[in-house]
Amino acid sequence: MDIKASQFVTSSGRRVLTDDGIQGMGGEAGVGSTTEKKQGQVASAIFANCESLDNKQLDEIIEWVRLFKS
């Protein structure tokens, strides 16, 4: 699977990662509001760490994120 940092976008189509996979709104490092930066940090962690996980492990992570949804 070839996931690219450019695929991590908001619902409005705004990129949350730079080409290198670090946080950056609009693809520009360090840019964004406090919450946009947090969103980019989570996306960066996913981009950097999830490639080698299997589907069961990814499903567990998805469930952890759901803990925060109300």
PDB file of N, CA and C in Angstrom:
ATOM      1  N   MET A   1       0.852  -1.174   0.000  1.00  0.00           N
ATOM      2  CA  MET A   1       0.000   0.000   0.000  1.00  0.00           C
ATOM      3  C   MET A   1       0.895   1.233   0.000  1.00  0.00           C
ATOM      4  N   ASP A   2       0.584   2.174  -0.852  1.00  0.00           N
ATOM      5  CA  ASP A   2       1.396   3.367  -0.977  1.00  0.00           C
ATOM      6  C   ASP A   2       0.587   4.587  -0.544  1.00  0.00           C
ATOM      7  N   ILE A   3       0.602   4.857   0.754  1.00  0.00           N
ATOM      8  CA  ILE A   3      -0.115   6.001   1.303  1.00  0.00           C
ATOM      9  C   ILE A   3       0.796   7.218   1.213  1.00  0.00           C
ATOM     10  N   LYS A   4       0.249   8.341   0.766  1.00  0.00           N
ATOM     11  CA  LYS A   4       1.015   9.578   0.648  1.00  0.00           C
ATOM     12  C   LYS A   4       0.501  10.601   1.661  1.00  0.00           C
ATOM     13  N   ALA A   5       1.400  11.440   2.137  1.00  0.00           N
ATOM     14  CA  ALA A   5       1.029  12.484   3.097  1.00  0.00           C
ATOM     15  C   ALA A   5      -0.046  13.403   2.510  1.00  0.00           C
ATOM     16  N   SER A   6      -0.037  13.582   1.213  1.00  0.00           N
ATOM     17  CA  SER A   6      -1.011  14.470   0.563  1.00  0.00           C
ATOM     18  C   SER A   6      -2.440  13.945   0.636  1.00  0.00           C
ATOM     19  N   GLN A   7      -2.623  12.678   1.025  1.00  0.00           N
ATOM     20  CA  GLN A   7      -3.959  12.102   1.135  1.00  0.00           C
ATOM     21  C   GLN A   7      -4.646  12.473   2.454  1.00  0.00           C
ATOM     22  N   PHE A   8      -3.906  13.026   3.388  1.00  0.00           N
ATOM     23  CA  PHE A   8      -4.462  13.399   4.681  1.00  0.00           C
ATOM     24  C   PHE A   8      -5.018  14.817   4.574  1.00  0.00           C
ATOM     25  N   VAL A   9      -6.327  14.893   4.319  1.00  0.00           N
ATOM     26  CA  VAL A   9      -6.985  16.179   4.106  1.00  0.00           C
ATOM     27  C   VAL A   9      -8.234  16.284   4.981  1.00  0.00           C
ATOM     28  N   THR A  10      -8.638  17.517   5.247  1.00  0.00           N
ATOM     29  CA  THR A  10      -9.875  17.763   5.991  1.00  0.00           C
ATOM     30  C   THR A  10     -11.060  17.568   5.059  1.00  0.00           C
ATOM     31  N   SER A  11     -12.253  17.639   5.615  1.00  0.00           N
ATOM     32  CA  SER A  11     -13.466  17.494   4.798  1.00  0.00           C
ATOM     33  C   SER A  11     -13.579  18.599   3.754  1.00  0.00           C
ATOM     34  N   SER A  12     -12.902  19.721   3.985  1.00  0.00           N
ATOM     35  CA  SER A  12     -12.925  20.811   3.006  1.00  0.00           C
ATOM     36  C   SER A  12     -11.777  20.707   2.002  1.00  0.00           C
ATOM     37  N   GLY A  13     -10.967  19.623   2.108  1.00  0.00           N
ATOM     38  CA  GLY A  13      -9.903  19.390   1.155  1.00  0.00           C
ATOM     39  C   GLY A  13      -8.566  20.020   1.508  1.00  0.00           C
ATOM     40  N   ARG A  14      -8.452  20.567   2.704  1.00  0.00           N
ATOM     41  CA  ARG A  14      -7.197  21.210   3.132  1.00  0.00           C
ATOM     42  C   ARG A  14      -6.236  20.165   3.692  1.00  0.00           C
ATOM     43  N   ARG A  15      -5.020  20.159   3.189  1.00  0.00           N
ATOM     44  CA  ARG A  15      -4.003  19.211   3.652  1.00  0.00           C
ATOM     45  C   ARG A  15      -3.620  19.507   5.099  1.00  0.00           C
ATOM     46  N   VAL A  16      -3.354  18.420   5.874  1.00  0.00           N
ATOM     47  CA  VAL A  16      -2.933  18.588   7.262  1.00  0.00           C
ATOM     48  C   VAL A  16      -1.487  18.173   7.485  1.00  0.00           C
ATOM     49  N   LEU A  17      -0.832  17.635   6.429  1.00  0.00           N
ATOM     50  CA  LEU A  17       0.560  17.218   6.520  1.00  0.00           C
ATOM     51  C   LEU A  17       1.381  17.835   5.395  1.00  0.00           C
ATOM     52  N   THR A  18       2.667  18.020   5.667  1.00  0.00           N
ATOM     53  CA  THR A  18       3.599  18.410   4.609  1.00  0.00           C
ATOM     54  C   THR A  18       3.927  17.164   3.791  1.00  0.00           C
ATOM     55  N   ASP A  19       4.655  17.317   2.719  1.00  0.00           N
ATOM     56  CA  ASP A  19       5.059  16.168   1.907  1.00  0.00           C
ATOM     57  C   ASP A  19       5.892  15.174   2.711  1.00  0.00           C
ATOM     58  N   ASP A  20       6.595  15.659   3.744  1.00  0.00           N
ATOM     59  CA  ASP A  20       7.426  14.807   4.600  1.00  0.00           C
ATOM     60  C   ASP A  20       6.622  14.108   5.697  1.00  0.00           C
ATOM     61  N   GLY A  21       5.323  14.410   5.813  1.00  0.00           N
ATOM     62  CA  GLY A  21       4.482  13.753   6.794  1.00  0.00           C
ATOM     63  C   GLY A  21       4.449  14.412   8.161  1.00  0.00           C
ATOM     64  N   ILE A  22       4.890  15.666   8.235  1.00  0.00           N
ATOM     65  CA  ILE A  22       4.796  16.370   9.517  1.00  0.00           C
ATOM     66  C   ILE A  22       3.618  17.335   9.483  1.00  0.00           C
ATOM     67  N   GLN A  23       3.162  17.743  10.668  1.00  0.00           N
ATOM     68  CA  GLN A  23       2.003  18.617  10.765  1.00  0.00           C
ATOM     69  C   GLN A  23       2.226  19.888   9.978  1.00  0.00           C
ATOM     70  N   GLY A  24       1.210  20.310   9.244  1.00  0.00           N
ATOM     71  CA  GLY A  24       1.275  21.552   8.492  1.00  0.00           C
ATOM     72  C   GLY A  24       0.017  21.756   7.679  1.00  0.00           C
ATOM     73  N   MET A  25      -0.811  22.683   8.097  1.00  0.00           N
ATOM     74  CA  MET A  25      -2.043  22.960   7.364  1.00  0.00           C
ATOM     75  C   MET A  25      -1.711  23.554   6.005  1.00  0.00           C
ATOM     76  N   GLY A  26      -2.447  23.100   5.003  1.00  0.00           N
ATOM     77  CA  GLY A  26      -2.185  23.535   3.642  1.00  0.00           C
ATOM     78  C   GLY A  26      -0.842  23.047   3.131  1.00  0.00           C
ATOM     79  N   GLY A  27      -0.275  22.048   3.812  1.00  0.00           N
ATOM     80  CA  GLY A  27       1.020  21.515   3.420  1.00  0.00           C
ATOM     81  C   GLY A  27       2.196  22.353   3.884  1.00  0.00           C
ATOM     82  N   GLU A  28       1.936  23.369   4.716  1.00  0.00           N
ATOM     83  CA  GLU A  28       2.987  24.262   5.204  1.00  0.00           C
ATOM     84  C   GLU A  28       3.248  23.976   6.685  1.00  0.00           C
ATOM     85  N   ALA A  29       4.461  23.562   6.987  1.00  0.00           N
ATOM     86  CA  ALA A  29       4.835  23.130   8.339  1.00  0.00           C
ATOM     87  C   ALA A  29       4.525  24.181   9.397  1.00  0.00           C
ATOM     88  N   GLY A  30       3.929  23.707  10.510  1.00  0.00           N
ATOM     89  CA  GLY A  30       3.684  24.547  11.663  1.00  0.00           C
ATOM     90  C   GLY A  30       2.491  25.471  11.565  1.00  0.00           C
ATOM     91  N   VAL A  31       1.784  25.450  10.450  1.00  0.00           N
ATOM     92  CA  VAL A  31       0.660  26.357  10.246  1.00  0.00           C
ATOM     93  C   VAL A  31      -0.620  25.730  10.778  1.00  0.00           C
ATOM     94  N   GLY A  32      -1.501  26.560  11.331  1.00  0.00           N
ATOM     95  CA  GLY A  32      -2.812  26.089  11.765  1.00  0.00           C
ATOM     96  C   GLY A  32      -3.170  26.578  13.149  1.00  0.00           C
ATOM     97  N   SER A  33      -4.468  26.537  13.430  1.00  0.00           N
ATOM     98  CA  SER A  33      -4.943  26.875  14.769  1.00  0.00           C
ATOM     99  C   SER A  33      -4.497  25.786  15.741  1.00  0.00           C
ATOM    100  N   THR A  34      -4.760  25.996  17.012  1.00  0.00           N
ATOM    101  CA  THR A  34      -4.387  25.003  18.023  1.00  0.00           C
ATOM    102  C   THR A  34      -4.996  23.648  17.710  1.00  0.00           C
ATOM    103  N   THR A  35      -6.276  23.610  17.384  1.00  0.00           N
ATOM    104  CA  THR A  35      -6.931  22.328  17.109  1.00  0.00           C
ATOM    105  C   THR A  35      -6.502  21.755  15.765  1.00  0.00           C
ATOM    106  N   GLU A  36      -6.242  22.610  14.781  1.00  0.00           N
ATOM    107  CA  GLU A  36      -5.750  22.116  13.491  1.00  0.00           C
ATOM    108  C   GLU A  36      -4.369  21.487  13.649  1.00  0.00           C
ATOM    109  N   LYS A  37      -3.543  22.074  14.500  1.00  0.00           N
ATOM    110  CA  LYS A  37      -2.223  21.503  14.755  1.00  0.00           C
ATOM    111  C   LYS A  37      -2.349  20.142  15.422  1.00  0.00           C
ATOM    112  N   LYS A  38      -3.278  20.003  16.389  1.00  0.00           N
ATOM    113  CA  LYS A  38      -3.503  18.703  17.037  1.00  0.00           C
ATOM    114  C   LYS A  38      -3.967  17.673  16.013  1.00  0.00           C
ATOM    115  N   GLN A  39      -4.880  18.078  15.144  1.00  0.00           N
ATOM    116  CA  GLN A  39      -5.367  17.182  14.096  1.00  0.00           C
ATOM    117  C   GLN A  39      -4.213  16.725  13.213  1.00  0.00           C
ATOM    118  N   GLY A  40      -3.328  17.633  12.852  1.00  0.00           N
ATOM    119  CA  GLY A  40      -2.172  17.301  12.038  1.00  0.00           C
ATOM    120  C   GLY A  40      -1.190  16.391  12.759  1.00  0.00           C
ATOM    121  N   GLN A  41      -1.045  16.580  14.072  1.00  0.00           N
ATOM    122  CA  GLN A  41      -0.148  15.723  14.843  1.00  0.00           C
ATOM    123  C   GLN A  41      -0.663  14.285  14.876  1.00  0.00           C
ATOM    124  N   VAL A  42      -1.969  14.132  15.021  1.00  0.00           N
ATOM    125  CA  VAL A  42      -2.557  12.787  14.991  1.00  0.00           C
ATOM    126  C   VAL A  42      -2.369  12.174  13.606  1.00  0.00           C
ATOM    127  N   ALA A  43      -2.623  12.957  12.572  1.00  0.00           N
ATOM    128  CA  ALA A  43      -2.431  12.467  11.204  1.00  0.00           C
ATOM    129  C   ALA A  43      -0.973  12.073  10.965  1.00  0.00           C
ATOM    130  N   SER A  44      -0.054  12.856  11.492  1.00  0.00           N
ATOM    131  CA  SER A  44       1.367  12.557  11.352  1.00  0.00           C
ATOM    132  C   SER A  44       1.726  11.238  12.027  1.00  0.00           C
ATOM    133  N   ALA A  45       1.166  11.009  13.211  1.00  0.00           N
ATOM    134  CA  ALA A  45       1.423   9.749  13.926  1.00  0.00           C
ATOM    135  C   ALA A  45       0.861   8.561  13.145  1.00  0.00           C
ATOM    136  N   ILE A  46      -0.314   8.734  12.584  1.00  0.00           N
ATOM    137  CA  ILE A  46      -0.915   7.668  11.777  1.00  0.00           C
ATOM    138  C   ILE A  46      -0.044   7.391  10.554  1.00  0.00           C
ATOM    139  N   PHE A  47       0.359   8.448   9.866  1.00  0.00           N
ATOM    140  CA  PHE A  47       1.175   8.314   8.660  1.00  0.00           C
ATOM    141  C   PHE A  47       2.499   7.612   8.959  1.00  0.00           C
ATOM    142  N   ALA A  48       3.100   7.941  10.085  1.00  0.00           N
ATOM    143  CA  ALA A  48       4.420   7.405  10.427  1.00  0.00           C
ATOM    144  C   ALA A  48       4.378   5.987  10.989  1.00  0.00           C
ATOM    145  N   ASN A  49       3.240   5.579  11.573  1.00  0.00           N
ATOM    146  CA  ASN A  49       3.243   4.343  12.349  1.00  0.00           C
ATOM    147  C   ASN A  49       2.283   3.250  11.912  1.00  0.00           C
ATOM    148  N   CYS A  50       1.350   3.528  11.045  1.00  0.00           N
ATOM    149  CA  CYS A  50       0.298   2.543  10.773  1.00  0.00           C
ATOM    150  C   CYS A  50       0.543   1.626   9.586  1.00  0.00           C
ATOM    151  N   GLU A  51       1.521   1.914   8.796  1.00  0.00           N
ATOM    152  CA  GLU A  51       1.738   1.117   7.576  1.00  0.00           C
ATOM    153  C   GLU A  51       1.956  -0.369   7.867  1.00  0.00           C
ATOM    154  N   SER A  52       2.661  -0.685   8.936  1.00  0.00           N
ATOM    155  CA  SER A  52       2.994  -2.084   9.216  1.00  0.00           C
ATOM    156  C   SER A  52       1.960  -2.801  10.082  1.00  0.00           C
ATOM    157  N   LEU A  53       0.903  -2.107  10.486  1.00  0.00           N
ATOM    158  CA  LEU A  53      -0.125  -2.732  11.323  1.00  0.00           C
ATOM    159  C   LEU A  53      -1.100  -3.540  10.481  1.00  0.00           C
ATOM    160  N   ASP A  54      -1.637  -4.606  11.063  1.00  0.00           N
ATOM    161  CA  ASP A  54      -2.634  -5.387  10.344  1.00  0.00           C
ATOM    162  C   ASP A  54      -4.026  -4.793  10.578  1.00  0.00           C
ATOM    163  N   ASN A  55      -5.019  -5.340   9.899  1.00  0.00           N
ATOM    164  CA  ASN A  55      -6.373  -4.789   9.980  1.00  0.00           C
ATOM    165  C   ASN A  55      -6.942  -4.839  11.388  1.00  0.00           C
ATOM    166  N   LYS A  56      -6.662  -5.892  12.140  1.00  0.00           N
ATOM    167  CA  LYS A  56      -7.160  -5.990  13.513  1.00  0.00           C
ATOM    168  C   LYS A  56      -6.579  -4.868  14.371  1.00  0.00           C
ATOM    169  N   GLN A  57      -5.294  -4.621  14.233  1.00  0.00           N
ATOM    170  CA  GLN A  57      -4.658  -3.554  14.999  1.00  0.00           C
ATOM    171  C   GLN A  57      -5.203  -2.183  14.594  1.00  0.00           C
ATOM    172  N   LEU A  58      -5.430  -1.983  13.312  1.00  0.00           N
ATOM    173  CA  LEU A  58      -6.006  -0.725  12.850  1.00  0.00           C
ATOM    174  C   LEU A  58      -7.428  -0.549  13.376  1.00  0.00           C
ATOM    175  N   ASP A  59      -8.211  -1.627  13.405  1.00  0.00           N
ATOM    176  CA  ASP A  59      -9.560  -1.561  13.965  1.00  0.00           C
ATOM    177  C   ASP A  59      -9.525  -1.177  15.443  1.00  0.00           C
ATOM    178  N   GLU A  60      -8.547  -1.666  16.181  1.00  0.00           N
ATOM    179  CA  GLU A  60      -8.417  -1.301  17.594  1.00  0.00           C
ATOM    180  C   GLU A  60      -8.137   0.191  17.750  1.00  0.00           C
ATOM    181  N   ILE A  61      -7.284   0.719  16.910  1.00  0.00           N
ATOM    182  CA  ILE A  61      -6.982   2.148  16.955  1.00  0.00           C
ATOM    183  C   ILE A  61      -8.223   2.971  16.624  1.00  0.00           C
ATOM    184  N   ILE A  62      -8.975   2.535  15.627  1.00  0.00           N
ATOM    185  CA  ILE A  62     -10.219   3.220  15.265  1.00  0.00           C
ATOM    186  C   ILE A  62     -11.171   3.236  16.453  1.00  0.00           C
ATOM    187  N   GLU A  63     -11.265   2.140  17.187  1.00  0.00           N
ATOM    188  CA  GLU A  63     -12.125   2.082  18.373  1.00  0.00           C
ATOM    189  C   GLU A  63     -11.645   3.052  19.452  1.00  0.00           C
ATOM    190  N   TRP A  64     -10.350   3.204  19.602  1.00  0.00           N
ATOM    191  CA  TRP A  64      -9.821   4.152  20.592  1.00  0.00           C
ATOM    192  C   TRP A  64     -10.225   5.580  20.226  1.00  0.00           C
ATOM    193  N   VAL A  65     -10.175   5.895  18.945  1.00  0.00           N
ATOM    194  CA  VAL A  65     -10.588   7.237  18.506  1.00  0.00           C
ATOM    195  C   VAL A  65     -12.073   7.435  18.778  1.00  0.00           C
ATOM    196  N   ARG A  66     -12.861   6.387  18.578  1.00  0.00           N
ATOM    197  CA  ARG A  66     -14.315   6.490  18.823  1.00  0.00           C
ATOM    198  C   ARG A  66     -14.630   6.785  20.284  1.00  0.00           C
ATOM    199  N   LEU A  67     -13.727   6.462  21.194  1.00  0.00           N
ATOM    200  CA  LEU A  67     -13.944   6.780  22.609  1.00  0.00           C
ATOM    201  C   LEU A  67     -14.135   8.280  22.813  1.00  0.00           C
ATOM    202  N   PHE A  68     -13.560   9.101  21.932  1.00  0.00           N
ATOM    203  CA  PHE A  68     -13.625  10.548  22.076  1.00  0.00           C
ATOM    204  C   PHE A  68     -14.823  11.168  21.376  1.00  0.00           C
ATOM    205  N   LYS A  69     -15.536  10.389  20.564  1.00  0.00           N
ATOM    206  CA  LYS A  69     -16.721  10.909  19.890  1.00  0.00           C
ATOM    207  C   LYS A  69     -17.912  10.846  20.832  1.00  0.00           C
ATOM    208  N   SER A  70     -18.710  11.890  20.806  1.00  0.00           N
ATOM    209  CA  SER A  70     -19.907  11.895  21.669  1.00  0.00           C
ATOM    210  C   SER A  70     -21.163  11.694  20.882  1.00  0.00           C
TER     211      SER A  70
END
